[in-house]
Protein backbone atom coordinates (compact mmCIF):
# COMPACT_ATOMS: atom_id res chain seq x y z
CA UNK A 1 -20.48 -76.89 136.73
CA UNK A 2 -21.82 -80.22 137.09
CA UNK A 3 -24.74 -79.30 134.97
CA UNK A 4 -22.04 -77.86 132.18
CA UNK A 5 -19.80 -81.39 132.06
CA UNK A 6 -22.99 -82.94 131.67
CA UNK A 7 -24.18 -81.56 128.93
CA UNK A 8 -20.67 -81.48 127.49
CA UNK A 9 -20.59 -85.74 127.97
CA UNK A 10 -24.38 -86.09 127.15
CA UNK A 11 -23.34 -84.40 123.53
CA UNK A 12 -20.47 -86.81 123.61
CA UNK A 13 -22.38 -89.98 123.70
CA UNK A 14 -25.13 -88.62 122.18
CA UNK A 15 -26.17 -87.85 117.89
CA UNK A 16 -23.48 -85.24 117.68
CA UNK A 17 -20.71 -86.99 118.83
CA UNK A 18 -21.51 -90.86 117.74
CA UNK A 19 -23.00 -89.37 114.16
CA UNK A 20 -20.43 -87.12 113.14
CA UNK A 21 -17.77 -89.49 114.63
CA UNK A 22 -19.15 -91.88 111.92
CA UNK A 23 -19.58 -88.52 109.35
CA UNK A 24 -16.03 -88.28 110.25
CA UNK A 25 -15.27 -91.35 109.12
CA UNK A 26 -16.80 -91.22 105.75
CA UNK A 27 -14.95 -88.67 103.91
CA UNK A 28 -11.04 -87.78 104.20
CA UNK A 29 -12.08 -84.10 104.25
CA UNK A 30 -11.25 -82.75 107.66
CA UNK A 31 -12.59 -78.94 106.39
CA UNK A 32 -15.94 -81.28 105.14
CA UNK A 33 -16.51 -84.08 108.24
CA UNK A 34 -16.06 -80.79 110.78
CA UNK A 35 -19.12 -79.14 108.84
CA UNK A 36 -21.58 -82.29 109.09
CA UNK A 37 -20.42 -83.02 112.22
CA UNK A 38 -21.57 -79.22 113.30
CA UNK A 39 -24.98 -79.45 111.19
CA UNK A 40 -24.98 -82.67 113.30
CA UNK A 41 -25.32 -81.47 116.52
CA UNK A 42 -26.89 -78.07 115.30
CA UNK A 43 -30.19 -80.49 114.30
CA UNK A 44 -29.86 -82.01 117.46
CA UNK A 45 -30.63 -79.30 119.26
CA UNK A 46 -33.42 -77.96 117.09
CA UNK A 47 -34.82 -81.02 116.64
CA UNK A 48 -34.81 -81.60 120.53
CA UNK A 49 -36.15 -78.68 121.06
CA UNK A 50 -39.25 -79.18 118.37
CA UNK A 51 -37.12 -76.82 116.14
CA UNK A 52 -38.55 -74.12 117.96
CA UNK A 53 -35.42 -71.35 118.96
CA UNK A 54 -37.08 -69.84 121.73
CA UNK A 55 -36.20 -73.65 123.66
CA UNK A 56 -32.83 -73.99 123.04
CA UNK A 57 -30.79 -72.22 125.05
CA UNK A 58 -27.23 -70.89 123.42
CA UNK A 59 -24.99 -72.60 125.96
CA UNK A 60 -26.80 -75.70 124.90
CA UNK A 61 -26.66 -74.88 121.11
CA UNK A 62 -22.62 -73.88 121.54
CA UNK A 63 -21.85 -77.01 123.33
CA UNK A 64 -23.37 -79.16 120.54
CA UNK A 65 -22.34 -78.15 117.75
CA UNK A 66 -18.59 -77.61 118.78
CA UNK A 67 -18.76 -81.44 120.10
CA UNK A 68 -20.11 -82.18 116.41
CA UNK A 69 -16.71 -80.36 114.83
CA UNK A 70 -14.80 -81.77 116.95
CA UNK A 71 -16.07 -85.60 116.80
CA UNK A 72 -16.82 -84.80 113.05
CA UNK A 73 -12.13 -83.81 112.28
CA UNK A 74 -11.75 -87.28 114.91
CA UNK A 75 -13.51 -89.15 112.80
CA UNK A 76 -11.58 -87.80 109.38
CA UNK A 77 -8.13 -87.70 110.74
CA UNK A 78 -8.92 -91.82 112.18
CA UNK A 79 -9.71 -92.22 108.32
CA UNK A 80 -6.25 -90.70 107.40
CA UNK A 81 -4.23 -92.04 109.98
CA UNK A 82 -5.95 -95.24 109.14
CA UNK A 83 -5.16 -95.26 105.40
CA UNK A 84 -1.48 -94.31 105.75
CA UNK A 85 -1.30 -97.85 108.27
């Protein structure tokens, strides 16, 4: 359980979370922002595995894509809400 929570926290504080959020801030389209975040999560996981699918854990890949997806959507929501204040 601790390994699972550490993987989630590491992705939130890693490239998937921070870069996904930043890319989400650059667009007002929610689906584009979420898609960019998911791509960042995928590329980050593949990059750390040396672009070899045999070295990628399925759970790590799913968590990285999910965190990137949510971070991108959150960044987009911050941008949209910030323009209406």
